[in-house]
Amino acid sequence: MAGADAGGDSGGSRDGTEADRDHAVRRYLHERVRITVDALEHLVGGLGTAILALVAFLLLFVVAIASVVGIGLVVVPSALKAVRSVAERERARLSRWGFQLPAPPPVPVGLGDALRDPWVRRECAFVAIHGTAGFVLGVLGLSLPLSAVQYLLFPLYFWLLPPEDGGPGIVMWRIDGLPDALVVAMIGVGWLAVAIALGPRMARLQALPGRLLLAPPRDVDASLRIAELTATRAAALDAHAVELRRIERSLHDGAQNRLVAVTVLLGAARRALARDPAQAAQVLERAQDAAESALAELRAVVRGILPPVLDDRGLAGALHGLAAGCGVPCTVEVDVPGRCAASVEATAYFVVAEALTNVARHSGAGSAAVTVRRDADRLYLSVTDDGHGGADERRGSGIGGIRRRVEAHDGRFTLTSPPGGPTTIFVELTCGS
């Protein structure tokens, strides 16, 4: 029996290990697919801005040639405005993927001032690089998966083609039947592996000129950073004051009133104890109910300061709990190895809690999705719903409070909510340690 039990335990352990291994493999494949699809989306978007940059670069080249003889000088300001427009499109594209790039000042009016402006010079360099290298990377990034699909599907349509025409792309030999077509499909598997391996690297390389050249010049960046830190410090103080007022109001209107009622009821019970013990018992029962209500109010205030569920279940468990209690079906995907600083986890928790409350109350959505991931020392969080859109933090609904809480941690907050939806809240926080 002992041997059988041991064998059963060993078999159960092997089954558990195999299940864990299968789960790890599925999770890895899911993550690779997600990364590849994101990279393809980046490359396609970058290809669009690269085409615009190439047009702007050719315009600059023609204007520069014409300016040698004095003809093109009058259109230089218009050409620089076209370059600025392309640069703004790329800034907006990169900002949607988490690379916040501040907007530059207007292009100087005078020709000499415009040509000496470091923003303008960096943008001219950007259109030259992105319009050439970015265009090539975008075309390659798009052609790799398309070629892989063409090769993989070849066994389904090879019989429509003359055998002597060969196959797609590099396949120049004669295709005499299904075995030859399957060999072509295997080449497609290789192209797909190349696309999965190189796609994310190509997307990062394509975005590199924009991240480097469209960021503020070094001296301007320092002054902007000082102004940003000053603003976030003020926002942190404001958020702290708002939080203190909220706690004070909760204690004053809730727990304090309950405790005053307990004191009054205990006094009434003490006076009634000698002359009417039955009435005193009723008053004591009411005092006990009031005390329990006061305890519940105090627990709610404490949970509002730092939710204990974060200590008990971690960020992933806490967010799954919020999703389970949301009035709209909500999916949660958390990829955060290890733990972040307690204040960062609390901020992420409150952002999701407030965002899901808004989704349930105001969006008219049928579903919502929460995604949290950590990349090095950054925590990226997004909440998306398929509602009617049109969210505006100026109209209240708690979005301004989310922004203040995020900026108090020197984080970045982006709201995208066009009329008709969808609505996406994107937050970037420094993880801390």
Protein backbone atom coordinates (compact mmCIF):
# COMPACT_ATOMS: atom_id res chain seq x y z
CA MET A 1 0.00 0.00 0.00
CA ALA A 2 2.81 2.34 0.89
CA GLY A 3 4.44 1.61 -2.43
CA ALA A 4 1.16 2.24 -4.23
CA ASP A 5 0.70 5.50 -2.33
CA ALA A 6 4.23 6.52 -3.15
CA GLY A 7 3.65 5.64 -6.78
CA GLY A 8 0.40 7.60 -6.76
CA ASP A 9 2.11 10.60 -5.18
CA SER A 10 4.91 10.35 -7.72
CA GLY A 11 2.42 10.13 -10.58
CA GLY A 12 0.49 13.11 -9.22
CA SER A 13 3.71 15.07 -8.91
CA ARG A 14 4.64 14.23 -12.52
CA ASP A 15 1.16 15.23 -13.70
CA GLY A 16 1.46 18.51 -11.81
CA THR A 17 4.90 19.18 -13.27
CA GLU A 18 3.69 18.42 -16.80
CA ALA A 19 0.66 20.69 -16.29
CA ASP A 20 2.91 23.48 -15.03
CA ARG A 21 5.22 22.97 -18.01
CA ASP A 22 2.30 23.05 -20.46
CA HIS A 23 0.97 26.19 -18.79
CA ALA A 24 4.40 27.84 -19.02
CA VAL A 25 4.69 26.89 -22.71
CA ARG A 26 1.21 28.28 -23.48
CA ARG A 27 1.98 31.46 -21.61
CA TYR A 28 5.28 31.86 -23.47
CA LEU A 29 3.61 31.32 -26.85
CA HIS A 30 0.83 33.75 -25.97
CA GLU A 31 3.39 36.35 -24.94
CA ARG A 32 5.42 35.88 -28.14
CA VAL A 33 2.30 36.26 -30.27
CA ARG A 34 1.33 39.41 -28.40
CA ILE A 35 4.82 40.90 -28.77
CA THR A 36 4.92 40.01 -32.48
CA VAL A 37 1.49 41.53 -33.17
CA ASP A 38 2.45 44.69 -31.26
CA ALA A 39 5.69 44.92 -33.21
CA LEU A 40 3.83 44.52 -36.52
CA GLU A 41 1.42 47.26 -35.51
CA HIS A 42 4.39 49.49 -34.59
CA LEU A 43 6.07 48.79 -37.93
CA VAL A 44 2.94 49.50 -39.97
CA GLY A 45 2.34 52.76 -38.09
CA GLY A 46 5.99 53.67 -38.50
CA LEU A 47 5.78 52.92 -42.20
CA GLY A 48 2.96 55.45 -42.50
CA THR A 49 4.94 58.21 -40.81
CA ALA A 50 8.07 57.16 -42.75
CA ILE A 51 6.25 57.78 -46.04
CA LEU A 52 5.29 61.25 -44.81
CA ALA A 53 8.87 61.83 -43.63
CA LEU A 54 10.22 60.74 -47.02
CA VAL A 55 7.93 63.24 -48.77
CA ALA A 56 9.03 65.98 -46.36
CA PHE A 57 12.70 65.07 -46.88
CA LEU A 58 12.34 65.23 -50.67
CA LEU A 59 10.58 68.57 -50.29
CA LEU A 60 13.46 69.85 -48.16
CA PHE A 61 15.98 68.58 -50.71
CA VAL A 62 14.20 70.32 -53.60
CA VAL A 63 13.86 73.56 -51.60
CA ALA A 64 17.54 73.43 -50.62
CA ILE A 65 18.60 73.02 -54.27
CA ALA A 66 16.27 75.83 -55.33
CA SER A 67 17.55 78.06 -52.52
CA VAL A 68 21.09 77.92 -53.94
CA VAL A 69 19.92 80.21 -56.72
CA GLY A 70 17.58 82.13 -54.42
CA ILE A 71 14.32 80.76 -55.79
CA GLY A 72 13.46 78.48 -52.89
CA LEU A 73 14.10 80.88 -50.00
CA VAL A 74 10.50 82.08 -49.95
CA VAL A 75 9.15 78.54 -49.42
CA VAL A 76 11.62 77.49 -46.71
CA PRO A 77 9.19 78.43 -43.87
CA SER A 78 6.44 76.35 -45.48
CA ALA A 79 8.82 73.41 -45.90
CA LEU A 80 9.85 73.65 -42.22
CA LYS A 81 6.18 73.69 -41.19
CA ALA A 82 5.66 70.54 -43.25
CA VAL A 83 8.60 68.93 -41.42
CA ARG A 84 7.10 70.01 -38.08
CA SER A 85 3.76 68.44 -39.06
CA VAL A 86 5.42 65.10 -39.83
CA ALA A 87 7.40 65.26 -36.59
CA GLU A 88 4.20 65.91 -34.63
CA ARG A 89 2.60 62.84 -36.21
CA GLU A 90 5.53 60.71 -35.08
CA ARG A 91 5.46 62.23 -31.58
CA ALA A 92 1.78 61.33 -31.32
CA ARG A 93 2.47 57.79 -32.56
CA LEU A 94 5.29 57.22 -30.09
CA SER A 95 3.26 58.73 -27.26
CA ARG A 96 0.54 56.13 -27.83
CA TRP A 97 3.15 53.42 -27.19
CA GLY A 98 4.40 54.94 -23.92
CA PHE A 99 7.18 57.27 -25.12
CA GLN A 100 5.93 60.67 -24.02
CA LEU A 101 7.56 63.44 -26.08
CA PRO A 102 6.72 67.04 -25.15
CA ALA A 103 5.48 69.38 -27.87
CA PRO A 104 8.06 71.89 -29.16
CA PRO A 105 7.53 75.66 -29.33
CA PRO A 106 6.22 77.11 -32.62
CA VAL A 107 8.62 77.33 -35.54
CA PRO A 108 10.34 80.76 -35.39
CA VAL A 109 9.04 83.27 -37.93
CA GLY A 110 12.39 84.55 -39.21
CA LEU A 111 14.32 82.34 -41.61
CA GLY A 112 17.60 82.75 -39.73
CA ASP A 113 15.97 82.08 -36.36
CA ALA A 114 14.23 78.99 -37.76
CA LEU A 115 17.47 77.54 -39.16
CA ARG A 116 19.26 78.17 -35.84
CA ASP A 117 16.46 76.60 -33.78
CA PRO A 118 17.71 73.26 -32.34
CA TRP A 119 14.18 71.80 -32.51
CA VAL A 120 13.99 72.52 -36.24
CA ARG A 121 17.45 71.10 -36.96
CA ARG A 122 16.68 67.90 -35.06
CA GLU A 123 13.36 67.51 -36.89
CA CYS A 124 15.08 67.94 -40.27
CA ALA A 125 17.54 65.22 -39.32
CA PHE A 126 14.63 63.05 -38.20
CA VAL A 127 12.76 63.21 -41.53
CA ALA A 128 16.00 62.37 -43.37
CA ILE A 129 16.68 59.27 -41.25
CA HIS A 130 13.12 58.09 -40.67
CA GLY A 131 12.12 58.72 -44.28
CA THR A 132 14.88 56.40 -45.50
CA ALA A 133 15.86 53.86 -42.84
CA GLY A 134 12.41 53.89 -41.22
CA PHE A 135 10.76 53.32 -44.59
CA VAL A 136 13.04 50.35 -45.34
CA LEU A 137 12.43 48.81 -41.91
CA GLY A 138 8.68 49.27 -42.28
CA VAL A 139 8.62 47.59 -45.67
CA LEU A 140 10.76 44.70 -44.43
CA GLY A 141 8.72 44.34 -41.25
CA LEU A 142 5.50 44.14 -43.26
CA SER A 143 6.86 41.87 -45.99
CA LEU A 144 8.22 39.21 -43.61
CA PRO A 145 4.85 38.04 -42.20
CA LEU A 146 3.15 38.47 -45.59
CA SER A 147 5.80 36.31 -47.21
CA ALA A 148 5.43 33.73 -44.44
CA VAL A 149 1.67 33.56 -45.05
CA GLN A 150 2.21 33.26 -48.80
CA TYR A 151 4.60 30.34 -48.35
CA LEU A 152 2.48 28.63 -45.68
CA LEU A 153 -0.67 28.74 -47.83
CA PHE A 154 1.10 27.59 -51.00
CA PRO A 155 -0.06 23.91 -50.61
CA LEU A 156 -3.65 25.17 -50.88
CA TYR A 157 -3.28 26.83 -54.27
CA PHE A 158 -0.15 25.36 -55.93
CA TRP A 159 -2.29 23.24 -58.28
CA LEU A 160 -3.66 26.42 -59.86
CA LEU A 161 -0.20 27.37 -61.14
CA PRO A 162 1.85 25.79 -63.93
CA PRO A 163 4.47 23.46 -62.37
CA GLU A 164 7.32 25.09 -64.30
CA ASP A 165 6.53 28.51 -62.74
CA GLY A 166 7.83 27.33 -59.39
CA GLY A 167 6.57 28.85 -56.17
CA PRO A 168 6.46 32.24 -54.48
CA GLY A 169 9.51 34.39 -53.88
CA ILE A 170 12.80 32.53 -53.91
CA VAL A 171 11.23 29.21 -54.95
CA MET A 172 12.30 28.96 -58.58
CA TRP A 173 12.29 25.17 -59.01
CA ARG A 174 9.53 23.07 -60.56
CA ILE A 175 6.59 22.12 -58.31
CA ASP A 176 5.42 18.65 -59.34
CA GLY A 177 3.05 17.81 -56.50
CA LEU A 178 2.01 18.14 -52.89
CA PRO A 179 5.39 17.03 -51.43
CA ASP A 180 7.13 19.89 -53.24
CA ALA A 181 4.41 22.29 -52.07
CA LEU A 182 4.90 21.14 -48.46
CA VAL A 183 8.61 21.91 -48.78
CA VAL A 184 7.62 25.44 -49.76
CA ALA A 185 5.35 25.60 -46.70
CA MET A 186 8.31 24.62 -44.50
CA ILE A 187 10.18 27.62 -45.93
CA GLY A 188 7.19 29.68 -44.76
CA VAL A 189 7.68 28.32 -41.23
CA GLY A 190 11.24 29.59 -41.39
CA TRP A 191 10.10 33.03 -42.58
CA LEU A 192 7.54 33.12 -39.75
CA ALA A 193 10.28 32.32 -37.21
CA VAL A 194 12.40 35.13 -38.66
CA ALA A 195 9.45 37.53 -38.43
CA ILE A 196 8.82 36.59 -34.78
CA ALA A 197 12.51 36.93 -33.90
CA LEU A 198 13.28 40.14 -35.80
CA GLY A 199 9.93 41.98 -35.69
CA PRO A 200 10.26 43.48 -32.18
CA ARG A 201 13.90 44.47 -32.82
CA MET A 202 13.00 46.13 -36.10
CA ALA A 203 10.14 48.03 -34.44
CA ARG A 204 12.46 49.34 -31.71
CA LEU A 205 15.08 50.29 -34.32
CA GLN A 206 12.47 52.08 -36.43
CA ALA A 207 11.30 54.11 -33.41
CA LEU A 208 14.84 55.01 -32.31
CA PRO A 209 15.31 58.15 -34.49
CA GLY A 210 12.06 59.60 -33.21
CA ARG A 211 12.88 58.86 -29.58
CA LEU A 212 16.33 60.45 -29.91
CA LEU A 213 15.76 63.34 -32.31
CA LEU A 214 12.21 64.40 -31.42
CA ALA A 215 12.98 64.61 -27.71
CA PRO A 216 13.91 68.08 -26.40
CA PRO A 217 17.53 69.22 -26.87
CA ARG A 218 19.66 68.64 -23.81
CA ASP A 219 19.53 72.16 -22.39
CA VAL A 220 15.82 72.47 -23.12
CA ASP A 221 15.21 69.01 -21.67
CA ALA A 222 16.80 70.04 -18.37
CA SER A 223 14.59 73.12 -18.04
CA LEU A 224 11.50 71.12 -19.02
CA ARG A 225 12.41 68.47 -16.47
CA ILE A 226 12.77 71.10 -13.74
CA ALA A 227 9.38 72.55 -14.66
CA GLU A 228 7.87 69.05 -14.76
CA LEU A 229 9.29 68.16 -11.34
CA THR A 230 8.01 71.45 -9.93
CA ALA A 231 4.56 70.73 -11.32
CA THR A 232 4.54 67.12 -10.07
CA ARG A 233 5.70 68.27 -6.61
CA ALA A 234 2.80 70.72 -6.50
CA ALA A 235 0.48 67.96 -7.73
CA ALA A 236 1.80 65.62 -5.03
CA LEU A 237 1.12 68.22 -2.35
CA ASP A 238 -2.37 68.84 -3.75
CA ALA A 239 -3.07 65.10 -3.92
CA HIS A 240 -1.85 64.72 -0.33
CA ALA A 241 -4.09 67.56 0.82
CA VAL A 242 -7.07 66.08 -1.04
CA GLU A 243 -6.39 62.69 0.54
CA LEU A 244 -6.17 64.22 4.02
CA ARG A 245 -9.46 66.06 3.46
CA ARG A 246 -11.07 62.83 2.28
CA ILE A 247 -9.86 60.93 5.35
CA GLU A 248 -10.93 63.78 7.67
CA ARG A 249 -14.37 63.94 6.04
CA SER A 250 -14.77 60.16 6.29
CA LEU A 251 -13.80 60.16 9.94
CA HIS A 252 -15.90 63.22 10.81
CA ASP A 253 -19.04 62.23 8.92
CA GLY A 254 -18.82 58.51 9.57
CA ALA A 255 -16.88 57.02 12.45
CA GLN A 256 -16.96 60.12 14.68
CA ASN A 257 -20.74 60.43 14.46
CA ARG A 258 -21.10 56.72 15.25
CA LEU A 259 -18.85 57.03 18.29
CA VAL A 260 -20.79 60.06 19.54
CA ALA A 261 -23.95 58.00 19.22
CA VAL A 262 -22.29 55.19 21.21
CA THR A 263 -21.37 57.65 23.98
CA VAL A 264 -24.89 59.04 24.14
CA LEU A 265 -26.45 55.59 24.20
CA LEU A 266 -24.09 54.36 26.93
CA GLY A 267 -25.00 57.38 29.04
CA ALA A 268 -28.70 56.69 28.54
CA ALA A 269 -28.18 53.02 29.41
CA ARG A 270 -26.30 53.91 32.62
CA ARG A 271 -29.13 56.21 33.72
CA ALA A 272 -31.81 53.64 32.88
CA LEU A 273 -29.97 50.74 34.49
CA ALA A 274 -31.36 51.34 38.00
CA ARG A 275 -34.95 52.23 37.17
CA ASP A 276 -35.63 50.11 34.04
CA PRO A 277 -33.12 47.28 33.35
CA ALA A 278 -35.11 46.08 30.30
CA GLN A 279 -34.87 49.50 28.66
CA ALA A 280 -31.17 49.65 29.54
CA ALA A 281 -30.59 46.35 27.72
CA GLN A 282 -32.28 47.72 24.59
CA VAL A 283 -30.17 50.87 24.73
CA LEU A 284 -26.99 48.80 25.15
CA GLU A 285 -27.95 46.74 22.11
CA ARG A 286 -28.33 49.92 20.07
CA ALA A 287 -24.97 51.12 21.39
CA GLN A 288 -23.36 47.85 20.28
CA ASP A 289 -24.82 48.24 16.78
CA ALA A 290 -23.49 51.80 16.61
CA ALA A 291 -20.04 50.63 17.76
CA GLU A 292 -19.97 47.93 15.09
CA SER A 293 -20.97 50.50 12.46
CA ALA A 294 -18.14 52.76 13.68
CA LEU A 295 -15.68 49.88 13.33
CA ALA A 296 -16.90 49.22 9.80
CA GLU A 297 -16.42 52.91 8.94
CA LEU A 298 -12.88 52.85 10.36
CA ARG A 299 -12.04 49.71 8.36
CA ALA A 300 -13.29 51.41 5.19
CA VAL A 301 -11.10 54.45 5.91
CA VAL A 302 -8.06 52.22 6.53
CA ARG A 303 -8.68 50.31 3.30
CA GLY A 304 -8.85 53.64 1.49
CA ILE A 305 -5.41 54.63 2.82
CA LEU A 306 -3.60 51.43 1.79
CA PRO A 307 -5.71 48.42 0.79
CA PRO A 308 -4.68 45.39 2.88
CA VAL A 309 -5.59 43.16 -0.07
CA LEU A 310 -2.32 44.27 -1.69
CA ASP A 311 -0.35 42.75 1.18
CA ASP A 312 -2.53 39.65 1.30
CA ARG A 313 -2.82 38.83 -2.42
CA GLY A 314 -0.34 41.08 -4.24
CA LEU A 315 -1.13 43.41 -7.10
CA ALA A 316 -2.37 40.68 -9.47
CA GLY A 317 -4.77 39.22 -6.91
CA ALA A 318 -6.02 42.65 -5.87
CA LEU A 319 -6.76 43.64 -9.48
CA HIS A 320 -8.54 40.35 -10.17
CA GLY A 321 -10.68 41.08 -7.11
CA LEU A 322 -11.57 44.52 -8.50
CA ALA A 323 -12.48 42.99 -11.86
CA ALA A 324 -14.66 40.36 -10.20
CA GLY A 325 -16.61 43.10 -8.41
CA CYS A 326 -17.00 45.30 -11.49
CA GLY A 327 -20.48 45.72 -12.93
CA VAL A 328 -19.08 45.21 -16.46
CA PRO A 329 -17.37 41.95 -17.57
CA CYS A 330 -13.67 42.64 -17.22
CA THR A 331 -10.53 40.70 -18.12
CA VAL A 332 -7.24 41.22 -16.29
CA GLU A 333 -3.75 40.46 -17.59
CA VAL A 334 -0.87 41.08 -15.18
CA ASP A 335 2.76 40.45 -16.07
CA VAL A 336 4.68 41.90 -13.12
CA PRO A 337 7.50 39.69 -11.86
CA GLY A 338 8.28 40.39 -8.24
CA ARG A 339 6.82 43.26 -6.21
CA CYS A 340 6.91 47.00 -6.80
CA ALA A 341 7.11 49.63 -4.09
CA ALA A 342 4.00 49.64 -1.88
CA SER A 343 3.07 53.20 -2.89
CA VAL A 344 3.31 52.28 -6.60
CA GLU A 345 1.12 49.21 -6.16
CA ALA A 346 -1.39 51.30 -4.19
CA THR A 347 -1.44 53.90 -6.98
CA ALA A 348 -2.00 51.23 -9.62
CA TYR A 349 -4.77 49.70 -7.51
CA PHE A 350 -6.57 53.02 -7.05
CA VAL A 351 -6.21 53.89 -10.74
CA VAL A 352 -7.86 50.62 -11.76
CA ALA A 353 -10.52 50.92 -9.05
CA GLU A 354 -11.50 54.44 -10.11
CA ALA A 355 -11.31 53.60 -13.83
CA LEU A 356 -13.55 50.52 -13.47
CA THR A 357 -16.01 52.56 -11.38
CA ASN A 358 -16.19 55.08 -14.24
CA VAL A 359 -16.64 52.26 -16.75
CA ALA A 360 -19.56 50.80 -14.80
CA ARG A 361 -21.25 54.17 -14.16
CA HIS A 362 -20.66 56.29 -17.24
CA SER A 363 -19.34 54.38 -20.26
CA GLY A 364 -22.22 52.15 -21.30
CA ALA A 365 -19.60 49.51 -22.11
CA GLY A 366 -20.23 45.83 -22.58
CA SER A 367 -16.71 44.77 -21.61
CA ALA A 368 -13.47 46.13 -20.22
CA ALA A 369 -9.84 45.00 -20.10
CA VAL A 370 -7.06 45.76 -17.63
CA THR A 371 -3.45 45.15 -18.66
CA VAL A 372 -0.47 45.65 -16.36
CA ARG A 373 3.12 44.84 -17.25
CA ARG A 374 6.54 45.68 -15.93
CA ASP A 375 9.48 46.52 -18.15
CA ALA A 376 12.73 47.12 -16.24
CA ASP A 377 11.97 49.92 -13.77
CA ARG A 378 8.66 50.95 -15.38
CA LEU A 379 5.14 49.78 -14.68
CA TYR A 380 2.71 50.19 -17.60
CA LEU A 381 -1.02 50.03 -16.92
CA SER A 382 -3.96 50.38 -19.29
CA VAL A 383 -7.72 50.18 -18.79
CA THR A 384 -9.81 49.91 -21.97
CA ASP A 385 -13.57 49.69 -22.46
CA ASP A 386 -15.79 49.41 -25.54
CA GLY A 387 -18.24 52.10 -24.40
CA HIS A 388 -19.52 55.21 -26.16
CA GLY A 389 -16.35 57.21 -25.47
CA GLY A 390 -16.22 60.97 -25.09
CA ALA A 391 -14.71 60.87 -21.59
CA ASP A 392 -13.43 64.28 -20.47
CA GLU A 393 -11.58 64.85 -17.22
CA ARG A 394 -12.83 68.44 -17.16
CA ARG A 395 -16.32 67.13 -16.54
CA GLY A 396 -15.34 65.35 -13.35
CA SER A 397 -16.03 61.59 -13.09
CA GLY A 398 -12.80 61.05 -11.15
CA ILE A 399 -10.42 61.17 -14.13
CA GLY A 400 -8.76 64.34 -12.80
CA GLY A 401 -8.14 62.55 -9.51
CA ILE A 402 -6.48 59.67 -11.36
CA ARG A 403 -4.20 62.12 -13.16
CA ARG A 404 -3.23 63.89 -9.93
CA ARG A 405 -2.48 60.61 -8.18
CA VAL A 406 -0.33 59.39 -11.09
CA GLU A 407 1.55 62.67 -11.49
CA ALA A 408 2.19 62.76 -7.75
CA HIS A 409 4.38 59.68 -8.33
CA ASP A 410 6.14 61.38 -11.26
CA GLY A 411 4.19 59.14 -13.60
CA ARG A 412 2.53 59.78 -16.95
CA PHE A 413 -1.20 59.65 -17.65
CA THR A 414 -2.83 59.54 -21.09
CA LEU A 415 -6.56 59.44 -21.82
CA THR A 416 -7.83 58.48 -25.29
CA SER A 417 -11.60 58.59 -25.66
CA PRO A 418 -12.93 59.59 -29.09
CA PRO A 419 -16.71 59.87 -29.51
CA GLY A 420 -18.04 56.40 -30.18
CA GLY A 421 -15.21 54.79 -28.21
CA PRO A 422 -13.21 52.96 -27.24
CA THR A 423 -11.84 54.65 -24.13
CA THR A 424 -8.30 53.85 -22.99
CA ILE A 425 -6.49 55.06 -19.91
CA PHE A 426 -2.74 54.54 -20.12
CA VAL A 427 -0.51 55.04 -17.09
CA GLU A 428 3.25 54.77 -16.72
CA LEU A 429 4.81 54.63 -13.24
CA THR A 430 8.35 54.28 -11.97
CA CYS A 431 8.39 50.96 -10.13
CA GLY A 432 10.78 51.85 -7.35
CA SER A 433 12.20 49.13 -5.18
